[in-house]
Amino acid sequence: MSQPDTTEPLPVNPDTAAAPSATEPAEASPAPASALEASLAAARKEAADNYDRYLRSVADLENYRKRAIRDREDATHRAVTRVLKTSSRCSTPLNRASSPPKHPMPTSKPSSAASRW
């Protein structure tokens, strides 16, 4: 008589069977680590480039703002100067009265009628 064939798996202790030992090297560790380091280095370089472009953009915007303010002040100064130059050419009645006349008034001879009175 033969014994029946039972192929039941033997019970396995989960604490000892499932975990590989710490001294055994992981199979695919070196390749992904170097790929991750390269990816990290590329990401850091891109971040540095983006930050540099950001700083340049901020500086360009600040320079544009200062130039716009300076241009506006220059335009105002030119306009005020132009108005003052044109208004100084016009003489006011007070200036004409206080300054000596450019062409002296002709002196009139006393009329004979005025001496009769």
Protein backbone atom coordinates (compact mmCIF):
# COMPACT_ATOMS: atom_id res chain seq x y z
CA MET A 1 0.00 0.00 0.00
CA SER A 2 1.20 3.30 -0.86
CA GLN A 3 0.71 6.42 1.00
CA PRO A 4 -1.35 9.19 -0.54
CA ASP A 5 0.69 12.05 -1.92
CA THR A 6 -0.05 15.20 -0.05
CA THR A 7 1.53 18.29 -1.53
CA GLU A 8 0.59 20.79 1.00
CA PRO A 9 3.17 23.50 1.45
CA LEU A 10 5.00 23.57 4.68
CA PRO A 11 4.17 26.42 7.01
CA VAL A 12 6.63 29.31 6.69
CA ASN A 13 7.66 31.66 9.44
CA PRO A 14 7.04 35.21 8.08
CA ASP A 15 9.76 36.77 10.24
CA THR A 16 12.60 34.74 8.78
CA ALA A 17 11.53 33.77 5.27
CA ALA A 18 10.26 36.97 3.68
CA ALA A 19 12.99 39.53 4.38
CA PRO A 20 16.38 39.32 2.64
CA SER A 21 19.37 39.73 4.89
CA ALA A 22 21.02 43.12 5.21
CA THR A 23 24.32 41.76 3.95
CA GLU A 24 22.88 40.71 0.61
CA PRO A 25 23.09 43.49 -2.01
CA ALA A 26 19.85 44.65 -3.61
CA GLU A 27 19.59 43.56 -7.20
CA ALA A 28 18.76 46.88 -8.96
CA SER A 29 19.98 49.49 -6.43
CA PRO A 30 23.08 50.94 -8.16
CA ALA A 31 21.44 51.77 -11.47
CA PRO A 32 18.39 53.62 -10.10
CA ALA A 33 20.50 55.51 -7.54
CA SER A 34 22.78 56.96 -10.20
CA ALA A 35 19.78 57.72 -12.39
CA LEU A 36 18.10 59.48 -9.48
CA GLU A 37 21.23 61.46 -8.73
CA ALA A 38 21.51 62.53 -12.36
CA SER A 39 17.84 63.46 -12.42
CA LEU A 40 18.27 65.42 -9.19
CA ALA A 41 21.29 67.25 -10.58
CA ALA A 42 19.37 68.14 -13.74
CA ALA A 43 16.41 69.37 -11.69
CA ARG A 44 18.70 71.52 -9.52
CA LYS A 45 20.35 73.02 -12.61
CA GLU A 46 16.95 73.78 -14.12
CA ALA A 47 15.81 75.35 -10.84
CA ALA A 48 18.94 77.52 -10.75
CA ASP A 49 18.37 78.59 -14.37
CA ASN A 50 14.72 79.42 -13.64
CA TYR A 51 15.71 81.45 -10.58
CA ASP A 52 18.32 83.33 -12.62
CA ARG A 53 15.73 84.14 -15.30
CA TYR A 54 13.32 85.26 -12.55
CA LEU A 55 15.92 87.62 -11.05
CA ARG A 56 16.73 89.05 -14.49
CA SER A 57 13.03 89.61 -15.19
CA VAL A 58 12.56 91.38 -11.86
CA ALA A 59 15.59 93.58 -12.56
CA ASP A 60 14.34 94.37 -16.08
CA LEU A 61 10.93 95.32 -14.72
CA GLU A 62 12.50 97.55 -12.06
CA ASN A 63 14.69 99.25 -14.68
CA TYR A 64 11.64 99.79 -16.92
CA ARG A 65 9.71 101.31 -14.01
CA LYS A 66 12.55 103.70 -13.17
CA ARG A 67 13.00 104.65 -16.83
CA ALA A 68 9.26 105.36 -17.19
CA ILE A 69 9.32 107.60 -14.11
CA ARG A 70 12.43 109.42 -15.38
CA ASP A 71 10.90 109.89 -18.85
CA ARG A 72 7.69 111.27 -17.34
CA GLU A 73 9.64 113.71 -15.17
CA ASP A 74 11.74 114.80 -18.15
CA ALA A 75 8.63 115.37 -20.27
CA THR A 76 7.05 117.42 -17.49
CA HIS A 77 10.22 119.48 -17.08
CA ARG A 78 10.41 120.15 -20.84
CA ALA A 79 6.75 121.17 -20.96
CA VAL A 80 7.09 123.55 -18.00
CA THR A 81 10.27 125.02 -19.47
CA ARG A 82 8.59 125.57 -22.83
CA VAL A 83 5.59 127.28 -21.21
CA LEU A 84 7.80 129.50 -19.10
CA LYS A 85 9.93 130.50 -22.08
CA THR A 86 6.90 131.43 -24.19
CA SER A 87 5.24 133.27 -21.32
CA SER A 88 8.39 135.25 -20.55
CA ARG A 89 8.35 136.64 -24.09
CA CYS A 90 4.97 138.20 -23.43
CA SER A 91 5.19 141.30 -21.36
CA THR A 92 2.52 141.98 -18.84
CA PRO A 93 0.97 145.41 -18.39
CA LEU A 94 2.76 145.77 -15.04
CA ASN A 95 6.15 145.07 -16.66
CA ARG A 96 5.43 147.58 -19.40
CA ALA A 97 4.40 150.26 -16.91
CA SER A 98 7.43 149.79 -14.68
CA SER A 99 10.04 149.68 -17.43
CA PRO A 100 11.13 152.69 -19.45
CA PRO A 101 9.54 152.85 -22.88
CA LYS A 102 11.52 151.46 -25.77
CA HIS A 103 10.44 154.31 -28.05
CA PRO A 104 10.14 157.64 -26.33
CA MET A 105 6.88 159.42 -26.77
CA PRO A 106 7.11 162.47 -28.96
CA THR A 107 6.88 165.64 -26.99
CA SER A 108 4.14 167.91 -28.15
CA LYS A 109 4.43 171.63 -28.32
CA PRO A 110 2.19 173.42 -25.96
CA SER A 111 -0.79 174.53 -27.78
CA SER A 112 -1.54 178.20 -27.94
CA ALA A 113 -5.04 177.57 -26.63
CA ALA A 114 -3.72 176.16 -23.38
CA SER A 115 -1.62 179.25 -22.71
CA ARG A 116 -4.63 181.52 -23.15
CA TRP A 117 -6.39 180.36 -20.09
